[in-house]
Amino acid sequence: MTITALNNNTPIFIVGAARSGTTLLQYMLRSHPDISLPTSESHFFIPFYGRRDEFGDLSQVENLYSVIEQIYQAQTEFFDDDFHGIKFNVRDLALGCKEQGITSIPGIISFIFQKNATAEGKIRWGDKTPYYILHLETILDMFPNAQIIHIIRDGRDCSLSMLERKWDLRIFNTYHSAYIWDKYVVAGKKFGHKHPKSYIEIHYEDLLNQPESSIHKLCAFLKIEFNHSVINFELSDGSGKTPLLAKPLSKNNQQKWKNKMPKRQLKIFESLAGNALEQCGYKLSCNAPKIAKWEWFFNELHIRICHFYCKYLLKK
């Protein structure tokens, strides 16, 4: 089955909690001969759509030029370094939108991403921005035919990985990581329950253990032909990316929490995110985990202190 009919009206969105494997899946899918995915995260879709009434009549080329210029200025590094088809030219893109009668923010975004995909020799475009999982109803409002891929990884492994990059991710303790993981996973599953035809879940562990069957399942959902290039994906050079992307898939990168997460932290994580873990098919290690109120207070205080440090002291 080909995707000729599934063009810029059917974008692909990869979402999930931090450290769940969204970047891995991004690199795998962009290795498919028909799919274009930038190698970083857009972040601007939701903010610009929320401001859509500010930009005036987008049938006017000067307004198109203004909004496209603002989009570029908001994410210059993304367009310069992680768009691999076109060199971003505000004037040309504005004129292209004008010629095609595009008068909406989603239409502008789709035009830019599709133009980049075409320049890469690809048919279909996608995006990987994990936090869009909290805004999937808006994404579907913007792109009614969008297909959502929610990648899920055992939250306890995510927690360990989050805390290795705590100053980067601004996630400062196990309580905080459990809250974030639970929030993202629950939001995704809630959307999926409401829009099952637009949504699929892929487990990170399945990608490692049964990559071929997982990708067959994903390709069937996306209505594209299975291609081994997705499994044997083009590796990253490692610069600024997850180090594991410089290596082939490894089954060893799972269940690390069993050896590395102290019992106290396990209890904290499972007390907050235990229901979501079980809903995702992960077994709990603690029986009826529950922690004292003072521990909640201590963890909340620790988070606030760390945020204060990041916001004020690191600027000095």
C-alpha atoms as a PDB file:
ATOM      1  CA  MET A   1       0.000   0.000   0.000  1.00  0.00           C
ATOM      2  CA  THR A   2       1.376   3.433  -0.886  1.00  0.00           C
ATOM      3  CA  ILE A   3       0.762   6.789   0.735  1.00  0.00           C
ATOM      4  CA  THR A   4       0.188   8.867  -2.390  1.00  0.00           C
ATOM      5  CA  ALA A   5      -3.251   9.813  -1.083  1.00  0.00           C
ATOM      6  CA  LEU A   6      -1.917  10.542   2.401  1.00  0.00           C
ATOM      7  CA  ASN A   7      -0.025  13.763   1.823  1.00  0.00           C
ATOM      8  CA  ASN A   8       0.253  16.983   3.799  1.00  0.00           C
ATOM      9  CA  ASN A   9      -3.309  16.503   5.065  1.00  0.00           C
ATOM     10  CA  THR A  10      -2.152  13.488   7.079  1.00  0.00           C
ATOM     11  CA  PRO A  11       0.821  14.569   9.188  1.00  0.00           C
ATOM     12  CA  ILE A  12       2.436  12.246  11.719  1.00  0.00           C
ATOM     13  CA  PHE A  13       3.058  13.348  15.304  1.00  0.00           C
ATOM     14  CA  ILE A  14       5.374  11.461  17.668  1.00  0.00           C
ATOM     15  CA  VAL A  15       4.647  12.274  21.313  1.00  0.00           C
ATOM     16  CA  GLY A  16       5.382  10.845  24.747  1.00  0.00           C
ATOM     17  CA  ALA A  17       6.943  11.537  28.111  1.00  0.00           C
ATOM     18  CA  ALA A  18      10.546  12.689  28.281  1.00  0.00           C
ATOM     19  CA  ARG A  19      13.135   9.925  27.790  1.00  0.00           C
ATOM     20  CA  SER A  20      10.513   7.506  26.434  1.00  0.00           C
ATOM     21  CA  GLY A  21      12.194   6.907  23.094  1.00  0.00           C
ATOM     22  CA  THR A  22      10.554   9.667  21.049  1.00  0.00           C
ATOM     23  CA  THR A  23      13.893  10.621  19.471  1.00  0.00           C
ATOM     24  CA  LEU A  24      14.703   6.994  18.681  1.00  0.00           C
ATOM     25  CA  LEU A  25      11.361   6.585  16.924  1.00  0.00           C
ATOM     26  CA  GLN A  26      11.884   9.898  15.140  1.00  0.00           C
ATOM     27  CA  TYR A  27      15.175   8.658  13.659  1.00  0.00           C
ATOM     28  CA  MET A  28      13.680   5.301  12.792  1.00  0.00           C
ATOM     29  CA  LEU A  29      10.658   6.700  10.961  1.00  0.00           C
ATOM     30  CA  ARG A  30      12.602   9.401   9.131  1.00  0.00           C
ATOM     31  CA  SER A  31      14.655   6.589   7.615  1.00  0.00           C
ATOM     32  CA  HIS A  32      11.530   5.404   5.782  1.00  0.00           C
ATOM     33  CA  PRO A  33      11.746   6.425   2.108  1.00  0.00           C
ATOM     34  CA  ASP A  34       8.367   8.172   2.232  1.00  0.00           C
ATOM     35  CA  ILE A  35       8.478  10.037   5.557  1.00  0.00           C
ATOM     36  CA  SER A  36      10.134  13.372   6.347  1.00  0.00           C
ATOM     37  CA  LEU A  37      10.817  14.230   9.980  1.00  0.00           C
ATOM     38  CA  PRO A  38      13.071  17.083  11.120  1.00  0.00           C
ATOM     39  CA  THR A  39      15.783  15.956  13.539  1.00  0.00           C
ATOM     40  CA  SER A  40      14.673  18.172  16.409  1.00  0.00           C
ATOM     41  CA  GLU A  41      11.445  19.527  17.920  1.00  0.00           C
ATOM     42  CA  SER A  42       9.244  22.293  16.521  1.00  0.00           C
ATOM     43  CA  HIS A  43       7.611  23.661  19.709  1.00  0.00           C
ATOM     44  CA  PHE A  44       5.864  26.515  17.853  1.00  0.00           C
ATOM     45  CA  PHE A  45       2.655  24.863  16.606  1.00  0.00           C
ATOM     46  CA  ILE A  46       0.567  25.383  19.740  1.00  0.00           C
ATOM     47  CA  PRO A  47       1.768  28.933  20.610  1.00  0.00           C
ATOM     48  CA  PHE A  48       1.225  30.273  17.075  1.00  0.00           C
ATOM     49  CA  TYR A  49      -2.148  28.601  16.712  1.00  0.00           C
ATOM     50  CA  GLY A  50      -3.166  30.179  20.012  1.00  0.00           C
ATOM     51  CA  ARG A  51      -2.207  33.585  18.585  1.00  0.00           C
ATOM     52  CA  ARG A  52      -3.923  33.042  15.236  1.00  0.00           C
ATOM     53  CA  ASP A  53      -6.289  36.006  15.643  1.00  0.00           C
ATOM     54  CA  GLU A  54      -3.333  38.386  16.034  1.00  0.00           C
ATOM     55  CA  PHE A  55      -2.005  37.992  12.502  1.00  0.00           C
ATOM     56  CA  GLY A  56      -4.750  39.694  10.561  1.00  0.00           C
ATOM     57  CA  ASP A  57      -6.088  38.704   7.167  1.00  0.00           C
ATOM     58  CA  LEU A  58      -3.756  35.975   5.915  1.00  0.00           C
ATOM     59  CA  SER A  59      -5.031  36.363   2.380  1.00  0.00           C
ATOM     60  CA  GLN A  60      -2.766  39.438   2.340  1.00  0.00           C
ATOM     61  CA  VAL A  61       0.807  38.561   1.405  1.00  0.00           C
ATOM     62  CA  GLU A  62       2.295  41.089   3.840  1.00  0.00           C
ATOM     63  CA  ASN A  63       0.540  39.328   6.729  1.00  0.00           C
ATOM     64  CA  LEU A  64       1.738  35.949   5.458  1.00  0.00           C
ATOM     65  CA  TYR A  65       5.268  37.341   5.302  1.00  0.00           C
ATOM     66  CA  SER A  66       4.963  38.680   8.868  1.00  0.00           C
ATOM     67  CA  VAL A  67       3.734  35.432  10.441  1.00  0.00           C
ATOM     68  CA  ILE A  68       6.263  33.267   8.572  1.00  0.00           C
ATOM     69  CA  GLU A  69       9.052  35.622   9.639  1.00  0.00           C
ATOM     70  CA  GLN A  70       7.874  35.340  13.259  1.00  0.00           C
ATOM     71  CA  ILE A  71       7.784  31.551  12.993  1.00  0.00           C
ATOM     72  CA  TYR A  72      11.335  31.550  11.670  1.00  0.00           C
ATOM     73  CA  GLN A  73      12.593  33.911  14.371  1.00  0.00           C
ATOM     74  CA  ALA A  74      10.925  31.775  17.057  1.00  0.00           C
ATOM     75  CA  GLN A  75      12.734  28.606  15.924  1.00  0.00           C
ATOM     76  CA  THR A  76      15.689  29.738  13.809  1.00  0.00           C
ATOM     77  CA  GLU A  77      18.010  26.954  14.947  1.00  0.00           C
ATOM     78  CA  PHE A  78      15.352  24.324  14.251  1.00  0.00           C
ATOM     79  CA  PHE A  79      14.844  25.489  10.673  1.00  0.00           C
ATOM     80  CA  ASP A  80      18.532  26.112   9.975  1.00  0.00           C
ATOM     81  CA  ASP A  81      19.941  22.906  11.496  1.00  0.00           C
ATOM     82  CA  ASP A  82      17.163  20.306  11.564  1.00  0.00           C
ATOM     83  CA  PHE A  83      15.246  20.945   8.341  1.00  0.00           C
ATOM     84  CA  HIS A  84      17.055  18.847   5.756  1.00  0.00           C
ATOM     85  CA  GLY A  85      15.179  19.675   2.559  1.00  0.00           C
ATOM     86  CA  ILE A  86      14.871  23.420   2.097  1.00  0.00           C
ATOM     87  CA  LYS A  87      16.713  26.536   3.090  1.00  0.00           C
ATOM     88  CA  PHE A  88      14.118  28.631   4.897  1.00  0.00           C
ATOM     89  CA  ASN A  89      13.253  31.671   2.768  1.00  0.00           C
ATOM     90  CA  VAL A  90      10.479  33.813   4.226  1.00  0.00           C
ATOM     91  CA  ARG A  91       9.659  35.643   1.005  1.00  0.00           C
ATOM     92  CA  ASP A  92       9.456  32.505  -1.137  1.00  0.00           C
ATOM     93  CA  LEU A  93       7.342  30.683   1.425  1.00  0.00           C
ATOM     94  CA  ALA A  94       4.956  33.631   1.784  1.00  0.00           C
ATOM     95  CA  LEU A  95       4.525  33.853  -1.995  1.00  0.00           C
ATOM     96  CA  GLY A  96       4.024  30.087  -2.179  1.00  0.00           C
ATOM     97  CA  CYS A  97       1.264  30.247   0.440  1.00  0.00           C
ATOM     98  CA  LYS A  98      -0.331  33.162  -1.417  1.00  0.00           C
ATOM     99  CA  GLU A  99      -0.299  31.288  -4.719  1.00  0.00           C
ATOM    100  CA  GLN A 100      -1.973  28.266  -3.122  1.00  0.00           C
ATOM    101  CA  GLY A 101      -4.587  30.348  -1.319  1.00  0.00           C
ATOM    102  CA  ILE A 102      -3.403  29.351   2.168  1.00  0.00           C
ATOM    103  CA  THR A 103      -4.959  31.588   4.823  1.00  0.00           C
ATOM    104  CA  SER A 104      -4.528  29.752   8.139  1.00  0.00           C
ATOM    105  CA  ILE A 105      -1.756  28.946  10.602  1.00  0.00           C
ATOM    106  CA  PRO A 106      -2.163  25.155  10.142  1.00  0.00           C
ATOM    107  CA  GLY A 107      -2.114  25.678   6.381  1.00  0.00           C
ATOM    108  CA  ILE A 108       1.127  27.671   6.593  1.00  0.00           C
ATOM    109  CA  ILE A 109       2.768  25.049   8.822  1.00  0.00           C
ATOM    110  CA  SER A 110       1.664  22.234   6.552  1.00  0.00           C
ATOM    111  CA  PHE A 111       2.919  24.084   3.472  1.00  0.00           C
ATOM    112  CA  ILE A 112       6.374  24.650   5.016  1.00  0.00           C
ATOM    113  CA  PHE A 113       6.774  21.078   6.247  1.00  0.00           C
ATOM    114  CA  GLN A 114       5.436  19.570   3.032  1.00  0.00           C
ATOM    115  CA  LYS A 115       7.762  21.724   0.931  1.00  0.00           C
ATOM    116  CA  ASN A 116      10.654  20.462   3.054  1.00  0.00           C
ATOM    117  CA  ALA A 117       9.464  16.869   2.632  1.00  0.00           C
ATOM    118  CA  THR A 118       9.183  17.225  -1.140  1.00  0.00           C
ATOM    119  CA  ALA A 119      12.706  18.652  -1.293  1.00  0.00           C
ATOM    120  CA  GLU A 120      13.905  15.552   0.589  1.00  0.00           C
ATOM    121  CA  GLY A 121      12.195  13.341  -1.967  1.00  0.00           C
ATOM    122  CA  LYS A 122       9.584  12.296   0.602  1.00  0.00           C
ATOM    123  CA  ILE A 123       5.802  12.219   0.303  1.00  0.00           C
ATOM    124  CA  ARG A 124       4.634  12.842   3.830  1.00  0.00           C
ATOM    125  CA  TRP A 125       5.729  15.026   6.724  1.00  0.00           C
ATOM    126  CA  GLY A 126       5.806  14.554  10.458  1.00  0.00           C
ATOM    127  CA  ASP A 127       6.984  16.130  13.677  1.00  0.00           C
ATOM    128  CA  LYS A 128       8.373  14.933  17.002  1.00  0.00           C
ATOM    129  CA  THR A 129       7.612  17.294  19.891  1.00  0.00           C
ATOM    130  CA  PRO A 130       6.865  15.331  23.081  1.00  0.00           C
ATOM    131  CA  TYR A 131       4.892  18.016  24.930  1.00  0.00           C
ATOM    132  CA  TYR A 132       2.264  18.155  22.186  1.00  0.00           C
ATOM    133  CA  ILE A 133       0.805  15.136  23.983  1.00  0.00           C
ATOM    134  CA  LEU A 134      -0.781  17.655  26.357  1.00  0.00           C
ATOM    135  CA  HIS A 135      -2.416  19.444  23.401  1.00  0.00           C
ATOM    136  CA  LEU A 136      -3.576  16.634  21.138  1.00  0.00           C
ATOM    137  CA  GLU A 137      -7.121  17.964  20.840  1.00  0.00           C
ATOM    138  CA  THR A 138      -5.642  21.205  19.508  1.00  0.00           C
ATOM    139  CA  ILE A 139      -3.350  19.293  17.146  1.00  0.00           C
ATOM    140  CA  LEU A 140      -6.397  17.432  15.805  1.00  0.00           C
ATOM    141  CA  ASP A 141      -8.263  20.726  15.462  1.00  0.00           C
ATOM    142  CA  MET A 142      -5.331  22.068  13.441  1.00  0.00           C
ATOM    143  CA  PHE A 143      -4.834  18.899  11.367  1.00  0.00           C
ATOM    144  CA  PRO A 144      -8.066  16.846  11.415  1.00  0.00           C
ATOM    145  CA  ASN A 145      -6.454  13.860   9.666  1.00  0.00           C
ATOM    146  CA  ALA A 146      -3.320  13.801  11.823  1.00  0.00           C
ATOM    147  CA  GLN A 147      -2.026  10.446  13.053  1.00  0.00           C
ATOM    148  CA  ILE A 148      -0.663  10.372  16.586  1.00  0.00           C
ATOM    149  CA  ILE A 149       2.048   7.937  17.698  1.00  0.00           C
ATOM    150  CA  HIS A 150       2.352   7.755  21.480  1.00  0.00           C
ATOM    151  CA  ILE A 151       5.501   5.953  22.526  1.00  0.00           C
ATOM    152  CA  ILE A 152       5.418   4.609  26.095  1.00  0.00           C
ATOM    153  CA  ARG A 153       8.357   3.415  28.176  1.00  0.00           C
ATOM    154  CA  ASP A 154       8.385   2.021  31.706  1.00  0.00           C
ATOM    155  CA  GLY A 155       8.159   5.171  33.798  1.00  0.00           C
ATOM    156  CA  ARG A 156      10.760   3.963  36.266  1.00  0.00           C
ATOM    157  CA  ASP A 157      13.355   3.753  33.496  1.00  0.00           C
ATOM    158  CA  CYS A 158      12.197   7.160  32.250  1.00  0.00           C
ATOM    159  CA  SER A 159      12.685   8.524  35.760  1.00  0.00           C
ATOM    160  CA  LEU A 160      16.284   7.335  35.946  1.00  0.00           C
ATOM    161  CA  SER A 161      16.990   8.849  32.542  1.00  0.00           C
ATOM    162  CA  MET A 162      15.219  12.120  33.371  1.00  0.00           C
ATOM    163  CA  LEU A 163      17.260  12.574  36.517  1.00  0.00           C
ATOM    164  CA  GLU A 164      20.500  12.025  34.602  1.00  0.00           C
ATOM    165  CA  ARG A 165      19.540  15.205  32.723  1.00  0.00           C
ATOM    166  CA  LYS A 166      17.722  16.991  35.544  1.00  0.00           C
ATOM    167  CA  TRP A 167      19.169  20.462  34.916  1.00  0.00           C
ATOM    168  CA  ASP A 168      18.391  20.216  31.217  1.00  0.00           C
ATOM    169  CA  LEU A 169      14.853  18.854  31.640  1.00  0.00           C
ATOM    170  CA  ARG A 170      14.143  20.761  34.875  1.00  0.00           C
ATOM    171  CA  ILE A 171      12.999  17.541  36.554  1.00  0.00           C
ATOM    172  CA  PHE A 172      14.667  17.356  39.935  1.00  0.00           C
ATOM    173  CA  ASN A 173      13.607  14.288  41.920  1.00  0.00           C
ATOM    174  CA  THR A 174      11.732  10.990  41.626  1.00  0.00           C
ATOM    175  CA  TYR A 175       8.482  12.548  42.795  1.00  0.00           C
ATOM    176  CA  HIS A 176       8.764  15.156  40.038  1.00  0.00           C
ATOM    177  CA  SER A 177       9.601  12.587  37.341  1.00  0.00           C
ATOM    178  CA  ALA A 178       6.669  10.400  38.409  1.00  0.00           C
ATOM    179  CA  TYR A 179       4.307  13.363  38.215  1.00  0.00           C
ATOM    180  CA  ILE A 180       5.502  14.320  34.718  1.00  0.00           C
ATOM    181  CA  TRP A 181       5.466  10.749  33.377  1.00  0.00           C
ATOM    182  CA  ASP A 182       1.988  10.097  34.773  1.00  0.00           C
ATOM    183  CA  LYS A 183       0.646  13.394  33.409  1.00  0.00           C
ATOM    184  CA  TYR A 184       1.923  12.730  29.884  1.00  0.00           C
ATOM    185  CA  VAL A 185       0.900   9.071  29.716  1.00  0.00           C
ATOM    186  CA  VAL A 186      -2.590   9.678  31.102  1.00  0.00           C
ATOM    187  CA  ALA A 187      -3.135  12.594  28.685  1.00  0.00           C
ATOM    188  CA  GLY A 188      -2.116  10.439  25.722  1.00  0.00           C
ATOM    189  CA  LYS A 189      -4.267   7.480  26.717  1.00  0.00           C
ATOM    190  CA  LYS A 190      -7.262   9.741  27.335  1.00  0.00           C
ATOM    191  CA  PHE A 191      -6.941  11.175  23.834  1.00  0.00           C
ATOM    192  CA  GLY A 192      -6.485   7.699  22.369  1.00  0.00           C
ATOM    193  CA  HIS A 193      -9.644   6.426  24.047  1.00  0.00           C
ATOM    194  CA  LYS A 194     -11.590   9.310  22.506  1.00  0.00           C
ATOM    195  CA  HIS A 195      -9.946   9.173  19.050  1.00  0.00           C
ATOM    196  CA  PRO A 196      -8.879   5.543  18.464  1.00  0.00           C
ATOM    197  CA  LYS A 197      -8.654   5.908  14.663  1.00  0.00           C
ATOM    198  CA  SER A 198      -6.141   8.752  14.999  1.00  0.00           C
ATOM    199  CA  TYR A 199      -3.968   7.203  17.697  1.00  0.00           C
ATOM    200  CA  ILE A 200      -1.590   4.319  18.263  1.00  0.00           C
ATOM    201  CA  GLU A 201       0.565   3.296  21.217  1.00  0.00           C
ATOM    202  CA  ILE A 202       4.005   1.807  20.730  1.00  0.00           C
ATOM    203  CA  HIS A 203       5.966   0.483  23.707  1.00  0.00           C
ATOM    204  CA  TYR A 204       9.647   1.300  23.795  1.00  0.00           C
ATOM    205  CA  GLU A 205      10.425  -2.166  25.096  1.00  0.00           C
ATOM    206  CA  ASP A 206       8.621  -3.726  22.117  1.00  0.00           C
ATOM    207  CA  LEU A 207      10.781  -1.686  19.743  1.00  0.00           C
ATOM    208  CA  LEU A 208      13.850  -3.218  21.400  1.00  0.00           C
ATOM    209  CA  ASN A 209      12.563  -6.780  21.776  1.00  0.00           C
ATOM    210  CA  GLN A 210      10.421  -7.217  18.651  1.00  0.00           C
ATOM    211  CA  PRO A 211      11.392  -4.380  16.312  1.00  0.00           C
ATOM    212  CA  GLU A 212      10.069  -5.971  13.138  1.00  0.00           C
ATOM    213  CA  SER A 213       6.585  -6.793  14.451  1.00  0.00           C
ATOM    214  CA  SER A 214       6.376  -3.362  16.134  1.00  0.00           C
ATOM    215  CA  ILE A 215       7.273  -1.535  12.930  1.00  0.00           C
ATOM    216  CA  HIS A 216       4.900  -3.717  10.878  1.00  0.00           C
ATOM    217  CA  LYS A 217       2.127  -2.686  13.261  1.00  0.00           C
ATOM    218  CA  LEU A 218       3.119   0.965  13.018  1.00  0.00           C
ATOM    219  CA  CYS A 219       3.344   0.919   9.223  1.00  0.00           C
ATOM    220  CA  ALA A 220      -0.118  -0.644   9.008  1.00  0.00           C
ATOM    221  CA  PHE A 221      -1.506   2.174  11.157  1.00  0.00           C
ATOM    222  CA  LEU A 222       0.220   4.808   9.027  1.00  0.00           C
ATOM    223  CA  LYS A 223      -0.908   3.044   5.814  1.00  0.00           C
ATOM    224  CA  ILE A 224       2.619   2.836   4.465  1.00  0.00           C
ATOM    225  CA  GLU A 225       4.630  -0.087   3.197  1.00  0.00           C
ATOM    226  CA  PHE A 226       6.925  -1.795   5.684  1.00  0.00           C
ATOM    227  CA  ASN A 227      10.570  -1.023   4.960  1.00  0.00           C
ATOM    228  CA  HIS A 228      13.595  -2.540   6.704  1.00  0.00           C
ATOM    229  CA  SER A 229      15.302   0.867   6.614  1.00  0.00           C
ATOM    230  CA  VAL A 230      13.146   1.829   9.609  1.00  0.00           C
ATOM    231  CA  ILE A 231      14.746  -0.894  11.739  1.00  0.00           C
ATOM    232  CA  ASN A 232      18.191  -0.399  10.235  1.00  0.00           C
ATOM    233  CA  PHE A 233      17.790   3.344  10.638  1.00  0.00           C
ATOM    234  CA  GLU A 234      20.359   5.974   9.764  1.00  0.00           C
ATOM    235  CA  LEU A 235      22.408   6.553  12.907  1.00  0.00           C
ATOM    236  CA  SER A 236      23.104   9.976  14.365  1.00  0.00           C
ATOM    237  CA  ASP A 237      26.639  11.320  14.560  1.00  0.00           C
ATOM    238  CA  GLY A 238      25.899  11.845  18.250  1.00  0.00           C
ATOM    239  CA  SER A 239      26.296  15.611  18.207  1.00  0.00           C
ATOM    240  CA  GLY A 240      23.665  17.003  20.540  1.00  0.00           C
ATOM    241  CA  LYS A 241      21.500  13.889  20.258  1.00  0.00           C
ATOM    242  CA  THR A 242      20.794  10.920  22.494  1.00  0.00           C
ATOM    243  CA  PRO A 243      24.061   8.894  22.548  1.00  0.00           C
ATOM    244  CA  LEU A 244      22.177   5.650  21.878  1.00  0.00           C
ATOM    245  CA  LEU A 245      21.197   6.992  18.459  1.00  0.00           C
ATOM    246  CA  ALA A 246      24.787   6.462  17.384  1.00  0.00           C
ATOM    247  CA  LYS A 247      24.310   2.721  17.937  1.00  0.00           C
ATOM    248  CA  PRO A 248      21.904   0.051  16.614  1.00  0.00           C
ATOM    249  CA  LEU A 249      18.915  -1.017  18.727  1.00  0.00           C
ATOM    250  CA  SER A 250      19.978  -2.661  21.994  1.00  0.00           C
ATOM    251  CA  LYS A 251      17.776  -4.923  24.124  1.00  0.00           C
ATOM    252  CA  ASN A 252      19.871  -4.014  27.156  1.00  0.00           C
ATOM    253  CA  ASN A 253      18.410  -0.526  27.421  1.00  0.00           C
ATOM    254  CA  GLN A 254      15.414  -1.542  29.536  1.00  0.00           C
ATOM    255  CA  GLN A 255      14.477  -2.521  33.105  1.00  0.00           C
ATOM    256  CA  LYS A 256      17.474  -0.650  34.445  1.00  0.00           C
ATOM    257  CA  TRP A 257      15.344   0.472  37.383  1.00  0.00           C
ATOM    258  CA  LYS A 258      15.507  -3.045  38.831  1.00  0.00           C
ATOM    259  CA  ASN A 259      19.202  -2.577  39.619  1.00  0.00           C
ATOM    260  CA  LYS A 260      19.605   1.184  39.757  1.00  0.00           C
ATOM    261  CA  MET A 261      16.518   2.613  41.480  1.00  0.00           C
ATOM    262  CA  PRO A 262      16.631   2.497  45.317  1.00  0.00           C
ATOM    263  CA  LYS A 263      13.577   1.042  47.078  1.00  0.00           C
ATOM    264  CA  ARG A 264      12.695   4.424  48.545  1.00  0.00           C
ATOM    265  CA  GLN A 265      12.552   5.987  45.105  1.00  0.00           C
ATOM    266  CA  LEU A 266      10.588   3.044  43.741  1.00  0.00           C
ATOM    267  CA  LYS A 267       8.009   3.514  46.439  1.00  0.00           C
ATOM    268  CA  ILE A 268       7.750   7.226  45.688  1.00  0.00           C
ATOM    269  CA  PHE A 269       7.373   6.651  41.952  1.00  0.00           C
ATOM    270  CA  GLU A 270       4.837   3.849  42.234  1.00  0.00           C
ATOM    271  CA  SER A 271       2.794   5.652  44.874  1.00  0.00           C
ATOM    272  CA  LEU A 272       2.205   8.483  42.438  1.00  0.00           C
ATOM    273  CA  ALA A 273       2.221   6.745  39.037  1.00  0.00           C
ATOM    274  CA  GLY A 274       1.322   3.154  39.953  1.00  0.00           C
ATOM    275  CA  ASN A 275      -2.106   3.195  38.304  1.00  0.00           C
ATOM    276  CA  ALA A 276      -0.659   4.444  35.018  1.00  0.00           C
ATOM    277  CA  LEU A 277       2.150   1.866  35.168  1.00  0.00           C
ATOM    278  CA  GLU A 278      -0.370  -0.942  35.551  1.00  0.00           C
ATOM    279  CA  GLN A 279      -2.616   0.447  32.803  1.00  0.00           C
ATOM    280  CA  CYS A 280       0.412   0.352  30.510  1.00  0.00           C
ATOM    281  CA  GLY A 281       1.109  -3.279  31.409  1.00  0.00           C
ATOM    282  CA  TYR A 282       4.049  -2.750  33.787  1.00  0.00           C
ATOM    283  CA  LYS A 283       4.062  -4.714  37.049  1.00  0.00           C
ATOM    284  CA  LEU A 284       4.580  -2.846  40.317  1.00  0.00           C
ATOM    285  CA  SER A 285       7.462  -3.801  42.591  1.00  0.00           C
ATOM    286  CA  CYS A 286       5.785  -2.558  45.789  1.00  0.00           C
ATOM    287  CA  ASN A 287       2.567  -3.740  47.393  1.00  0.00           C
ATOM    288  CA  ALA A 288       0.100  -0.861  47.811  1.00  0.00           C
ATOM    289  CA  PRO A 289       2.872   1.786  47.745  1.00  0.00           C
ATOM    290  CA  LYS A 290       2.156   4.879  49.809  1.00  0.00           C
ATOM    291  CA  ILE A 291       4.384   7.536  51.310  1.00  0.00           C
ATOM    292  CA  ALA A 292       3.843   9.966  54.165  1.00  0.00           C
ATOM    293  CA  LYS A 293       2.522  13.505  53.666  1.00  0.00           C
ATOM    294  CA  TRP A 294       5.750  15.033  54.898  1.00  0.00           C
ATOM    295  CA  GLU A 295       7.582  13.330  52.049  1.00  0.00           C
ATOM    296  CA  TRP A 296       5.234  14.931  49.511  1.00  0.00           C
ATOM    297  CA  PHE A 297       5.928  18.291  51.129  1.00  0.00           C
ATOM    298  CA  PHE A 298       9.694  17.720  51.142  1.00  0.00           C
ATOM    299  CA  ASN A 299       9.712  16.754  47.451  1.00  0.00           C
ATOM    300  CA  GLU A 300       7.555  19.721  46.439  1.00  0.00           C
ATOM    301  CA  LEU A 301       9.859  22.053  48.374  1.00  0.00           C
ATOM    302  CA  HIS A 302      12.905  20.527  46.699  1.00  0.00           C
ATOM    303  CA  ILE A 303      11.370  21.105  43.253  1.00  0.00           C
ATOM    304  CA  ARG A 304      10.600  24.748  44.059  1.00  0.00           C
ATOM    305  CA  ILE A 305      14.114  25.387  45.349  1.00  0.00           C
ATOM    306  CA  CYS A 306      15.633  23.874  42.211  1.00  0.00           C
ATOM    307  CA  HIS A 307      13.381  25.927  39.953  1.00  0.00           C
ATOM    308  CA  PHE A 308      14.348  29.070  41.872  1.00  0.00           C
ATOM    309  CA  TYR A 309      18.017  28.161  41.440  1.00  0.00           C
ATOM    310  CA  CYS A 310      17.555  27.654  37.692  1.00  0.00           C
ATOM    311  CA  LYS A 311      15.515  30.800  37.183  1.00  0.00           C
ATOM    312  CA  TYR A 312      17.543  33.280  39.211  1.00  0.00           C
ATOM    313  CA  LEU A 313      20.915  31.982  40.364  1.00  0.00           C
ATOM    314  CA  LEU A 314      22.066  30.332  37.120  1.00  0.00           C
ATOM    315  CA  LYS A 315      21.570  33.660  35.297  1.00  0.00           C
ATOM    316  CA  LYS A 316      24.236  35.337  37.392  1.00  0.00           C
END
